[in-house]
Amino acid sequence: MEQQELWLFLLYGYVFTVLIEAAVLLPGLSARHTLGRRIFAAVWLNACTYPVVVLVLPNFFDPTYDRTRYLLVAETFAPVAECTLFWAAFGTREEWWKPSMWRDLAVITAANLASFGLGELVERLKIWPFSAS
């Protein structure tokens, strides 16, 4: 993809990703998080990781020719980074190793898997206005 296409993909893909991940994060994050924090998490976590996945990683792995390696790195990076950022921002000593901590991290990972899976489905069905590869 050309730079202009990547930036356009970033814009539309970010909105798509936030909507999908918010649908998982809003009901899934542990009860200790307010609705505002849940919404903020959906927007902020993706704002931190999505540009890396769309703009940076394709410079190291050409998604057209090395798609498997690119997806392996990108789809490992995103949930690990988002779990780390979420815990750094909202984790407490009291929550360390408690079920609520594991629930939050599992839900963030599930949100990433959901957005990846739906993104792949949209790509394969050719209903996306432009291709990531």
N, C-alpha and C. Protein backbone atom coordinates (compact mmCIF):
# COMPACT_ATOMS: atom_id res chain seq x y z
N MET A 1 0.83 -1.18 0.00
CA MET A 1 0.00 0.00 0.00
C MET A 1 0.87 1.24 0.00
N GLU A 2 0.43 2.24 -0.68
CA GLU A 2 1.11 3.53 -0.67
C GLU A 2 0.84 4.24 0.66
N GLN A 3 1.66 5.24 0.98
CA GLN A 3 1.52 5.96 2.24
C GLN A 3 0.12 6.55 2.42
N GLN A 4 -0.41 7.17 1.37
CA GLN A 4 -1.74 7.77 1.47
C GLN A 4 -2.80 6.72 1.78
N GLU A 5 -2.69 5.55 1.15
CA GLU A 5 -3.62 4.46 1.41
C GLU A 5 -3.49 3.96 2.84
N LEU A 6 -2.26 3.87 3.34
CA LEU A 6 -2.04 3.43 4.72
C LEU A 6 -2.70 4.37 5.72
N TRP A 7 -2.56 5.67 5.48
CA TRP A 7 -3.15 6.65 6.39
C TRP A 7 -4.68 6.58 6.35
N LEU A 8 -5.24 6.38 5.18
CA LEU A 8 -6.68 6.24 5.06
C LEU A 8 -7.14 4.95 5.73
N PHE A 9 -6.39 3.89 5.51
CA PHE A 9 -6.69 2.62 6.17
C PHE A 9 -6.60 2.78 7.69
N LEU A 10 -5.62 3.54 8.16
CA LEU A 10 -5.46 3.79 9.59
C LEU A 10 -6.72 4.45 10.15
N LEU A 11 -7.21 5.45 9.46
CA LEU A 11 -8.39 6.18 9.94
C LEU A 11 -9.61 5.27 10.03
N TYR A 12 -9.96 4.63 8.92
CA TYR A 12 -11.15 3.78 8.91
C TYR A 12 -10.96 2.52 9.76
N GLY A 13 -9.78 1.94 9.69
CA GLY A 13 -9.51 0.74 10.47
C GLY A 13 -9.54 1.00 11.97
N TYR A 14 -9.05 2.17 12.37
CA TYR A 14 -9.06 2.54 13.80
C TYR A 14 -10.50 2.62 14.31
N VAL A 15 -11.36 3.30 13.57
CA VAL A 15 -12.76 3.42 13.99
C VAL A 15 -13.41 2.04 14.06
N PHE A 16 -13.18 1.22 13.04
CA PHE A 16 -13.71 -0.15 13.00
C PHE A 16 -13.22 -0.94 14.22
N THR A 17 -11.93 -0.85 14.49
CA THR A 17 -11.34 -1.59 15.60
C THR A 17 -11.87 -1.12 16.94
N VAL A 18 -11.98 0.17 17.13
CA VAL A 18 -12.50 0.70 18.40
C VAL A 18 -13.94 0.22 18.62
N LEU A 19 -14.75 0.26 17.58
CA LEU A 19 -16.15 -0.18 17.73
C LEU A 19 -16.24 -1.65 18.12
N ILE A 20 -15.45 -2.49 17.46
CA ILE A 20 -15.46 -3.92 17.77
C ILE A 20 -14.93 -4.17 19.18
N GLU A 21 -13.80 -3.57 19.50
CA GLU A 21 -13.20 -3.82 20.81
C GLU A 21 -14.03 -3.22 21.94
N ALA A 22 -14.67 -2.09 21.70
CA ALA A 22 -15.54 -1.51 22.72
C ALA A 22 -16.70 -2.45 23.03
N ALA A 23 -17.20 -3.14 22.01
CA ALA A 23 -18.30 -4.09 22.22
C ALA A 23 -17.89 -5.25 23.13
N VAL A 24 -16.61 -5.53 23.19
CA VAL A 24 -16.11 -6.58 24.08
C VAL A 24 -15.69 -5.99 25.44
N LEU A 25 -15.02 -4.85 25.41
CA LEU A 25 -14.52 -4.24 26.65
C LEU A 25 -15.63 -3.71 27.56
N LEU A 26 -16.65 -3.10 26.97
CA LEU A 26 -17.69 -2.49 27.81
C LEU A 26 -18.36 -3.50 28.74
N PRO A 27 -18.83 -4.63 28.23
CA PRO A 27 -19.43 -5.60 29.16
C PRO A 27 -18.41 -6.50 29.85
N GLY A 28 -17.20 -6.58 29.31
CA GLY A 28 -16.26 -7.60 29.80
C GLY A 28 -15.31 -7.19 30.90
N LEU A 29 -14.87 -5.93 30.92
CA LEU A 29 -13.91 -5.52 31.95
C LEU A 29 -14.52 -5.67 33.34
N SER A 30 -13.70 -5.91 34.33
CA SER A 30 -14.19 -6.17 35.68
C SER A 30 -14.99 -4.99 36.23
N ALA A 31 -15.83 -5.28 37.19
CA ALA A 31 -16.77 -4.31 37.74
C ALA A 31 -16.10 -3.10 38.38
N ARG A 32 -14.83 -3.20 38.71
CA ARG A 32 -14.16 -2.06 39.36
C ARG A 32 -13.93 -0.89 38.40
N HIS A 33 -14.15 -1.09 37.11
CA HIS A 33 -13.95 -0.03 36.13
C HIS A 33 -15.27 0.64 35.77
N THR A 34 -15.27 1.95 35.80
CA THR A 34 -16.47 2.72 35.44
C THR A 34 -16.73 2.62 33.94
N LEU A 35 -17.93 3.01 33.55
CA LEU A 35 -18.26 3.03 32.12
C LEU A 35 -17.32 3.97 31.37
N GLY A 36 -17.03 5.11 31.95
CA GLY A 36 -16.12 6.06 31.32
C GLY A 36 -14.73 5.48 31.10
N ARG A 37 -14.24 4.76 32.08
CA ARG A 37 -12.93 4.13 31.94
C ARG A 37 -12.94 3.06 30.86
N ARG A 38 -14.03 2.33 30.76
CA ARG A 38 -14.14 1.28 29.74
C ARG A 38 -14.12 1.88 28.33
N ILE A 39 -14.87 2.97 28.16
CA ILE A 39 -14.89 3.66 26.86
C ILE A 39 -13.52 4.25 26.56
N PHE A 40 -12.94 4.89 27.56
CA PHE A 40 -11.60 5.46 27.40
C PHE A 40 -10.60 4.37 27.00
N ALA A 41 -10.68 3.21 27.64
CA ALA A 41 -9.76 2.11 27.33
C ALA A 41 -9.89 1.69 25.86
N ALA A 42 -11.11 1.60 25.36
CA ALA A 42 -11.30 1.19 23.96
C ALA A 42 -10.66 2.18 23.01
N VAL A 43 -10.80 3.45 23.29
CA VAL A 43 -10.26 4.49 22.41
C VAL A 43 -8.75 4.62 22.59
N TRP A 44 -8.30 4.72 23.82
CA TRP A 44 -6.90 4.99 24.13
C TRP A 44 -5.97 3.83 23.80
N LEU A 45 -6.34 2.62 24.19
CA LEU A 45 -5.46 1.48 23.93
C LEU A 45 -5.22 1.30 22.44
N ASN A 46 -6.28 1.44 21.65
CA ASN A 46 -6.11 1.32 20.20
C ASN A 46 -5.36 2.49 19.60
N ALA A 47 -5.51 3.66 20.19
CA ALA A 47 -4.75 4.82 19.71
C ALA A 47 -3.25 4.60 19.91
N CYS A 48 -2.90 3.83 20.91
CA CYS A 48 -1.48 3.54 21.18
C CYS A 48 -0.92 2.45 20.29
N THR A 49 -1.72 1.44 19.98
CA THR A 49 -1.18 0.28 19.26
C THR A 49 -1.51 0.25 17.77
N TYR A 50 -2.66 0.74 17.37
CA TYR A 50 -3.08 0.61 15.98
C TYR A 50 -2.12 1.29 15.00
N PRO A 51 -1.62 2.48 15.29
CA PRO A 51 -0.65 3.08 14.35
C PRO A 51 0.61 2.24 14.17
N VAL A 52 1.05 1.57 15.22
CA VAL A 52 2.23 0.71 15.10
C VAL A 52 1.92 -0.45 14.17
N VAL A 53 0.76 -1.06 14.35
CA VAL A 53 0.37 -2.20 13.53
C VAL A 53 0.20 -1.81 12.06
N VAL A 54 -0.37 -0.64 11.81
CA VAL A 54 -0.69 -0.25 10.43
C VAL A 54 0.45 0.50 9.73
N LEU A 55 1.15 1.36 10.48
CA LEU A 55 2.15 2.22 9.84
C LEU A 55 3.59 1.77 10.05
N VAL A 56 3.89 1.16 11.18
CA VAL A 56 5.28 0.82 11.50
C VAL A 56 5.64 -0.60 11.06
N LEU A 57 4.88 -1.56 11.50
CA LEU A 57 5.23 -2.96 11.22
C LEU A 57 5.29 -3.32 9.73
N PRO A 58 4.46 -2.73 8.88
CA PRO A 58 4.60 -3.04 7.45
C PRO A 58 5.97 -2.65 6.88
N ASN A 59 6.70 -1.79 7.55
CA ASN A 59 8.05 -1.45 7.10
C ASN A 59 9.04 -2.58 7.38
N PHE A 60 8.69 -3.47 8.29
CA PHE A 60 9.57 -4.59 8.63
C PHE A 60 9.13 -5.90 7.98
N PHE A 61 7.82 -6.04 7.80
CA PHE A 61 7.25 -7.25 7.20
C PHE A 61 6.26 -6.80 6.14
N ASP A 62 6.52 -7.10 4.91
CA ASP A 62 5.59 -6.74 3.85
C ASP A 62 4.35 -7.63 3.98
N PRO A 63 3.22 -7.03 4.38
CA PRO A 63 2.01 -7.84 4.57
C PRO A 63 1.54 -8.55 3.30
N THR A 64 1.99 -8.09 2.15
CA THR A 64 1.59 -8.73 0.90
C THR A 64 2.32 -10.06 0.70
N TYR A 65 3.61 -10.08 0.99
CA TYR A 65 4.43 -11.26 0.72
C TYR A 65 4.76 -12.07 1.97
N ASP A 66 4.73 -11.44 3.12
CA ASP A 66 5.11 -12.10 4.37
C ASP A 66 3.97 -11.97 5.38
N ARG A 67 2.74 -12.22 4.93
CA ARG A 67 1.54 -11.99 5.73
C ARG A 67 1.53 -12.77 7.04
N THR A 68 1.94 -14.02 7.01
CA THR A 68 1.90 -14.83 8.23
C THR A 68 2.80 -14.26 9.31
N ARG A 69 4.01 -13.92 8.97
CA ARG A 69 4.94 -13.35 9.94
C ARG A 69 4.44 -11.99 10.44
N TYR A 70 3.95 -11.17 9.51
CA TYR A 70 3.41 -9.86 9.88
C TYR A 70 2.26 -10.02 10.88
N LEU A 71 1.31 -10.90 10.57
CA LEU A 71 0.17 -11.10 11.47
C LEU A 71 0.59 -11.67 12.81
N LEU A 72 1.55 -12.57 12.81
CA LEU A 72 2.03 -13.13 14.06
C LEU A 72 2.62 -12.04 14.97
N VAL A 73 3.44 -11.18 14.39
CA VAL A 73 4.05 -10.10 15.17
C VAL A 73 3.00 -9.06 15.57
N ALA A 74 2.20 -8.62 14.62
CA ALA A 74 1.21 -7.57 14.89
C ALA A 74 0.16 -8.01 15.90
N GLU A 75 -0.34 -9.23 15.74
CA GLU A 75 -1.41 -9.70 16.61
C GLU A 75 -0.90 -10.26 17.93
N THR A 76 0.40 -10.31 18.10
CA THR A 76 0.98 -10.57 19.42
C THR A 76 1.29 -9.25 20.09
N PHE A 77 1.86 -8.33 19.32
CA PHE A 77 2.20 -7.01 19.85
C PHE A 77 0.99 -6.30 20.44
N ALA A 78 -0.12 -6.25 19.69
CA ALA A 78 -1.27 -5.44 20.10
C ALA A 78 -1.83 -5.84 21.47
N PRO A 79 -2.20 -7.10 21.71
CA PRO A 79 -2.75 -7.41 23.03
C PRO A 79 -1.72 -7.32 24.15
N VAL A 80 -0.47 -7.69 23.88
CA VAL A 80 0.56 -7.58 24.93
C VAL A 80 0.76 -6.11 25.32
N ALA A 81 0.88 -5.25 24.32
CA ALA A 81 1.06 -3.82 24.60
C ALA A 81 -0.17 -3.24 25.29
N GLU A 82 -1.36 -3.61 24.84
CA GLU A 82 -2.57 -3.05 25.43
C GLU A 82 -2.77 -3.55 26.86
N CYS A 83 -2.47 -4.80 27.13
CA CYS A 83 -2.56 -5.31 28.51
C CYS A 83 -1.56 -4.58 29.40
N THR A 84 -0.36 -4.37 28.90
CA THR A 84 0.67 -3.68 29.68
C THR A 84 0.25 -2.24 29.97
N LEU A 85 -0.21 -1.53 28.95
CA LEU A 85 -0.65 -0.15 29.13
C LEU A 85 -1.84 -0.06 30.09
N PHE A 86 -2.80 -0.96 29.92
CA PHE A 86 -3.98 -0.95 30.79
C PHE A 86 -3.58 -1.18 32.24
N TRP A 87 -2.73 -2.17 32.46
CA TRP A 87 -2.32 -2.45 33.83
C TRP A 87 -1.49 -1.30 34.41
N ALA A 88 -0.63 -0.71 33.60
CA ALA A 88 0.17 0.43 34.09
C ALA A 88 -0.72 1.61 34.47
N ALA A 89 -1.80 1.81 33.74
CA ALA A 89 -2.68 2.95 34.01
C ALA A 89 -3.70 2.66 35.12
N PHE A 90 -4.23 1.46 35.17
CA PHE A 90 -5.35 1.19 36.05
C PHE A 90 -5.13 0.07 37.06
N GLY A 91 -3.99 -0.59 37.00
CA GLY A 91 -3.71 -1.67 37.93
C GLY A 91 -3.35 -1.12 39.31
N THR A 92 -3.64 -1.91 40.32
CA THR A 92 -3.28 -1.53 41.69
C THR A 92 -2.63 -2.73 42.36
N ARG A 93 -1.90 -2.44 43.41
CA ARG A 93 -1.28 -3.54 44.18
C ARG A 93 -2.35 -4.49 44.73
N GLU A 94 -3.48 -3.92 45.11
CA GLU A 94 -4.55 -4.75 45.67
C GLU A 94 -5.11 -5.74 44.65
N GLU A 95 -5.07 -5.36 43.39
CA GLU A 95 -5.62 -6.22 42.33
C GLU A 95 -4.60 -7.23 41.80
N TRP A 96 -3.34 -7.08 42.13
CA TRP A 96 -2.30 -7.95 41.60
C TRP A 96 -2.61 -9.41 41.88
N TRP A 97 -2.65 -10.21 40.86
CA TRP A 97 -2.89 -11.65 40.88
C TRP A 97 -4.31 -12.03 41.28
N LYS A 98 -5.21 -11.08 41.38
CA LYS A 98 -6.60 -11.39 41.70
C LYS A 98 -7.36 -11.73 40.42
N PRO A 99 -8.50 -12.40 40.56
CA PRO A 99 -9.29 -12.75 39.37
C PRO A 99 -9.67 -11.54 38.50
N SER A 100 -9.91 -10.40 39.14
CA SER A 100 -10.28 -9.21 38.35
C SER A 100 -9.15 -8.79 37.42
N MET A 101 -7.90 -8.93 37.87
CA MET A 101 -6.76 -8.59 37.02
C MET A 101 -6.73 -9.52 35.81
N TRP A 102 -6.86 -10.82 36.05
CA TRP A 102 -6.82 -11.79 34.96
C TRP A 102 -8.01 -11.61 34.02
N ARG A 103 -9.16 -11.26 34.59
CA ARG A 103 -10.34 -11.01 33.75
C ARG A 103 -10.07 -9.84 32.81
N ASP A 104 -9.55 -8.74 33.35
CA ASP A 104 -9.28 -7.56 32.52
C ASP A 104 -8.31 -7.89 31.39
N LEU A 105 -7.24 -8.59 31.71
CA LEU A 105 -6.24 -8.93 30.69
C LEU A 105 -6.81 -9.90 29.66
N ALA A 106 -7.63 -10.85 30.10
CA ALA A 106 -8.26 -11.80 29.17
C ALA A 106 -9.25 -11.08 28.27
N VAL A 107 -10.00 -10.13 28.81
CA VAL A 107 -10.98 -9.40 28.01
C VAL A 107 -10.28 -8.52 26.97
N ILE A 108 -9.18 -7.88 27.35
CA ILE A 108 -8.42 -7.08 26.39
C ILE A 108 -7.91 -7.96 25.26
N THR A 109 -7.42 -9.14 25.59
CA THR A 109 -6.95 -10.08 24.59
C THR A 109 -8.10 -10.55 23.70
N ALA A 110 -9.24 -10.85 24.32
CA ALA A 110 -10.42 -11.28 23.54
C ALA A 110 -10.89 -10.16 22.60
N ALA A 111 -10.83 -8.92 23.06
CA ALA A 111 -11.23 -7.78 22.22
C ALA A 111 -10.33 -7.70 20.99
N ASN A 112 -9.03 -7.90 21.20
CA ASN A 112 -8.09 -7.89 20.08
C ASN A 112 -8.37 -9.03 19.11
N LEU A 113 -8.64 -10.20 19.63
CA LEU A 113 -8.96 -11.34 18.77
C LEU A 113 -10.25 -11.09 17.99
N ALA A 114 -11.23 -10.47 18.63
CA ALA A 114 -12.49 -10.16 17.94
C ALA A 114 -12.27 -9.18 16.80
N SER A 115 -11.52 -8.12 17.05
CA SER A 115 -11.30 -7.14 15.99
C SER A 115 -10.45 -7.73 14.86
N PHE A 116 -9.49 -8.56 15.21
CA PHE A 116 -8.70 -9.23 14.18
C PHE A 116 -9.58 -10.16 13.35
N GLY A 117 -10.36 -11.00 14.02
CA GLY A 117 -11.21 -11.95 13.32
C GLY A 117 -12.23 -11.28 12.42
N LEU A 118 -12.89 -10.25 12.91
CA LEU A 118 -13.87 -9.54 12.09
C LEU A 118 -13.19 -8.78 10.96
N GLY A 119 -12.01 -8.25 11.23
CA GLY A 119 -11.25 -7.58 10.17
C GLY A 119 -10.88 -8.54 9.06
N GLU A 120 -10.47 -9.74 9.42
CA GLU A 120 -10.15 -10.76 8.43
C GLU A 120 -11.38 -11.16 7.63
N LEU A 121 -12.52 -11.29 8.32
CA LEU A 121 -13.76 -11.65 7.64
C LEU A 121 -14.16 -10.58 6.64
N VAL A 122 -14.10 -9.33 7.05
CA VAL A 122 -14.43 -8.21 6.16
C VAL A 122 -13.49 -8.20 4.96
N GLU A 123 -12.22 -8.46 5.21
CA GLU A 123 -11.21 -8.50 4.13
C GLU A 123 -11.53 -9.62 3.13
N ARG A 124 -11.83 -10.80 3.66
CA ARG A 124 -12.09 -11.95 2.78
C ARG A 124 -13.39 -11.81 1.99
N LEU A 125 -14.38 -11.16 2.59
CA LEU A 125 -15.66 -10.95 1.91
C LEU A 125 -15.60 -9.77 0.95
N LYS A 126 -14.48 -9.06 0.95
CA LYS A 126 -14.27 -7.92 0.05
C LYS A 126 -15.32 -6.82 0.24
N ILE A 127 -15.72 -6.61 1.49
CA ILE A 127 -16.70 -5.54 1.76
C ILE A 127 -16.01 -4.31 2.37
N TRP A 128 -14.70 -4.36 2.45
CA TRP A 128 -13.90 -3.24 2.95
C TRP A 128 -13.52 -2.39 1.74
N PRO A 129 -13.55 -1.06 1.83
CA PRO A 129 -13.29 -0.25 0.64
C PRO A 129 -11.86 -0.34 0.11
N PHE A 130 -10.94 -0.85 0.90
CA PHE A 130 -9.57 -1.01 0.44
C PHE A 130 -8.95 -2.14 1.21
N SER A 131 -7.91 -2.68 0.67
CA SER A 131 -7.29 -3.89 1.22
C SER A 131 -6.10 -3.55 2.08
N ALA A 132 -5.89 -4.35 3.14
CA ALA A 132 -4.72 -4.17 4.01
C ALA A 132 -3.48 -4.81 3.39
N SER A 133 -3.66 -5.64 2.41
CA SER A 133 -2.51 -6.33 1.82
C SER A 133 -2.33 -6.00 0.37
